[in-house]
Amino acid sequence: DEHSHHGGTHGSSSDAVYSFGVASYASPLKRLLGSSSVRIVPPNTILVFDRHFRLREKRNVFEFDIRQWKGYFHDWRAAFEDAVELRAGPRHRAQGAEVFLGLSAGFDSGALHAALMKLKIKHTAYTLTAQEDLEVIRSR
């Protein structure tokens, strides 16, 4: 799950024992605090609690402007290839580092693999075939 999770409080009296936790996945918190106490925190969110773990404020880390102004993505592709070149190109290899890529059927690794191939950057791609679409992997 891509969201953060937090667990709430237990008990309601002044001598109650409070529990609080934060995790990338809900399952550890559910085991510790019970399913009903776990809440999903959306990405890009700051939660401010008081000392009794009561939520006092909820705000965004950053306000994104998601309006689309462009009808093309040539400049994005160039920036992406520049970023791949910077992180895996000659300077990277001059330090004796090799380039490895976990190749899945997903878009991210496919785009990275395509950029490495286009830039003729020597690399080794590995795939764990558990639930991957093997036809997509083979075509890459």
Protein backbone atom coordinates (compact mmCIF):
# COMPACT_ATOMS: atom_id res chain seq x y z
CA ASP A 1 0.00 0.00 0.00
CA GLU A 2 1.40 3.42 -0.89
CA HIS A 3 -0.24 5.28 1.98
CA SER A 4 1.07 5.80 5.50
CA HIS A 5 -0.99 4.49 8.37
CA HIS A 6 -1.31 5.55 11.97
CA GLY A 7 -2.96 3.91 14.94
CA GLY A 8 -5.16 5.76 17.35
CA THR A 9 -5.69 5.81 21.08
CA HIS A 10 -7.03 3.11 23.37
CA GLY A 11 -9.16 3.94 26.37
CA SER A 12 -11.13 7.03 27.26
CA SER A 13 -10.49 7.81 30.92
CA SER A 14 -7.80 10.15 32.20
CA ASP A 15 -5.65 7.18 33.27
CA ALA A 16 -6.01 5.42 29.88
CA VAL A 17 -3.00 3.92 28.19
CA TYR A 18 -2.43 5.54 24.81
CA SER A 19 -0.98 3.75 21.84
CA PHE A 20 0.33 5.37 18.72
CA GLY A 21 2.16 3.98 15.75
CA VAL A 22 3.11 4.84 12.19
CA ALA A 23 3.85 2.33 9.43
CA SER A 24 4.07 2.06 5.66
CA TYR A 25 1.75 -0.92 5.75
CA ALA A 26 -1.42 -1.34 7.81
CA SER A 27 -0.82 -4.99 8.77
CA PRO A 28 1.72 -4.42 11.61
CA LEU A 29 -0.48 -1.75 13.19
CA LYS A 30 -3.56 -3.94 12.91
CA ARG A 31 -1.71 -6.71 14.74
CA LEU A 32 -0.61 -4.30 17.48
CA LEU A 33 -3.65 -2.04 17.84
CA GLY A 34 -6.54 -3.89 16.24
CA SER A 35 -8.16 -3.18 12.88
CA SER A 36 -10.62 -0.57 14.12
CA SER A 37 -7.82 1.70 15.40
CA VAL A 38 -5.86 1.94 12.17
CA ARG A 39 -6.47 4.92 9.88
CA ILE A 40 -5.00 5.56 6.43
CA VAL A 41 -3.14 8.85 6.04
CA PRO A 42 -3.22 10.11 2.45
CA PRO A 43 0.11 10.89 0.74
CA ASN A 44 1.45 14.44 1.11
CA THR A 45 -0.35 14.87 4.46
CA ILE A 46 0.86 16.21 7.81
CA LEU A 47 -1.12 15.26 10.92
CA VAL A 48 -0.52 17.24 14.11
CA PHE A 49 -1.55 15.59 17.39
CA ASP A 50 -1.58 16.95 20.93
CA ARG A 51 0.11 15.10 23.78
CA HIS A 52 -3.01 12.98 24.25
CA PHE A 53 -2.89 11.89 20.60
CA ARG A 54 -5.94 13.94 19.62
CA LEU A 55 -5.77 15.20 16.05
CA ARG A 56 -5.40 18.99 16.13
CA GLU A 57 -4.48 19.79 12.54
CA LYS A 58 -4.38 18.16 9.12
CA ARG A 59 -2.61 19.87 6.21
CA ASN A 60 -0.78 19.13 2.98
CA VAL A 61 3.00 19.14 2.76
CA PHE A 62 2.79 20.74 -0.67
CA GLU A 63 -0.09 22.09 -2.75
CA PHE A 64 0.28 20.60 -6.21
CA ASP A 65 -0.99 22.38 -9.30
CA ILE A 66 -2.20 19.45 -11.41
CA ARG A 67 -3.59 21.52 -14.26
CA GLN A 68 -2.21 20.32 -17.60
CA TRP A 69 -0.69 23.00 -19.78
CA LYS A 70 1.10 20.91 -22.36
CA GLY A 71 -0.18 18.59 -25.03
CA TYR A 72 3.19 16.88 -25.51
CA PHE A 73 5.91 15.34 -23.36
CA HIS A 74 9.12 15.74 -25.40
CA ASP A 75 10.76 17.87 -22.70
CA TRP A 76 9.75 15.36 -19.98
CA ARG A 77 11.30 12.51 -21.98
CA ALA A 78 14.52 14.50 -22.46
CA ALA A 79 14.66 15.30 -18.72
CA PHE A 80 14.02 11.63 -17.88
CA GLU A 81 16.81 10.46 -20.19
CA ASP A 82 19.16 13.10 -18.72
CA ALA A 83 18.34 11.81 -15.22
CA VAL A 84 19.04 8.21 -16.27
CA GLU A 85 22.31 9.28 -17.93
CA LEU A 86 23.36 11.15 -14.78
CA ARG A 87 22.64 8.17 -12.51
CA ALA A 88 23.80 5.32 -14.74
CA GLY A 89 25.98 6.86 -17.45
CA PRO A 90 29.75 7.17 -17.85
CA ARG A 91 30.32 9.17 -14.64
CA HIS A 92 28.53 6.48 -12.63
CA ARG A 93 30.47 3.66 -14.30
CA ALA A 94 33.79 5.55 -13.93
CA GLN A 95 33.43 4.97 -10.21
CA GLY A 96 33.47 1.22 -10.87
CA ALA A 97 29.73 0.82 -10.36
CA GLU A 98 27.65 -1.56 -12.44
CA VAL A 99 24.06 -0.90 -13.44
CA PHE A 100 21.40 -3.39 -12.35
CA LEU A 101 17.67 -3.08 -12.93
CA GLY A 102 14.80 -5.03 -11.44
CA LEU A 103 12.60 -5.43 -14.52
CA SER A 104 8.90 -6.02 -13.94
CA ALA A 105 5.82 -5.67 -16.13
CA GLY A 106 5.22 -2.23 -14.58
CA PHE A 107 5.63 1.13 -16.26
CA ASP A 108 8.51 2.44 -14.10
CA SER A 109 11.00 -0.32 -14.74
CA GLY A 110 9.91 -0.52 -18.38
CA ALA A 111 10.65 3.19 -18.88
CA LEU A 112 14.03 2.85 -17.13
CA HIS A 113 14.93 -0.18 -19.25
CA ALA A 114 13.89 1.62 -22.46
CA ALA A 115 15.99 4.68 -21.54
CA LEU A 116 19.03 2.53 -20.70
CA MET A 117 18.68 0.75 -24.05
CA LYS A 118 18.22 4.01 -26.01
CA LEU A 119 21.25 5.57 -24.30
CA LYS A 120 23.25 2.37 -24.95
CA ILE A 121 24.12 2.10 -21.25
CA LYS A 122 25.35 -1.38 -20.42
CA HIS A 123 23.18 -2.89 -17.69
CA THR A 124 21.88 -6.15 -16.35
CA ALA A 125 18.13 -6.59 -15.90
CA TYR A 126 16.72 -9.14 -13.49
CA THR A 127 13.16 -10.38 -13.26
CA LEU A 128 11.42 -12.40 -10.56
CA THR A 129 8.59 -13.98 -12.48
CA ALA A 130 6.16 -14.52 -9.60
CA GLN A 131 3.06 -12.67 -10.86
CA GLU A 132 4.57 -10.73 -13.74
CA ASP A 133 3.09 -10.75 -17.22
CA LEU A 134 5.80 -12.78 -18.96
CA GLU A 135 4.79 -11.60 -22.44
CA VAL A 136 5.44 -7.99 -21.38
CA ILE A 137 8.81 -9.01 -19.88
CA ARG A 138 9.83 -10.93 -23.00
CA SER A 139 8.91 -8.03 -25.28
CA ARG A 140 11.15 -5.71 -23.26
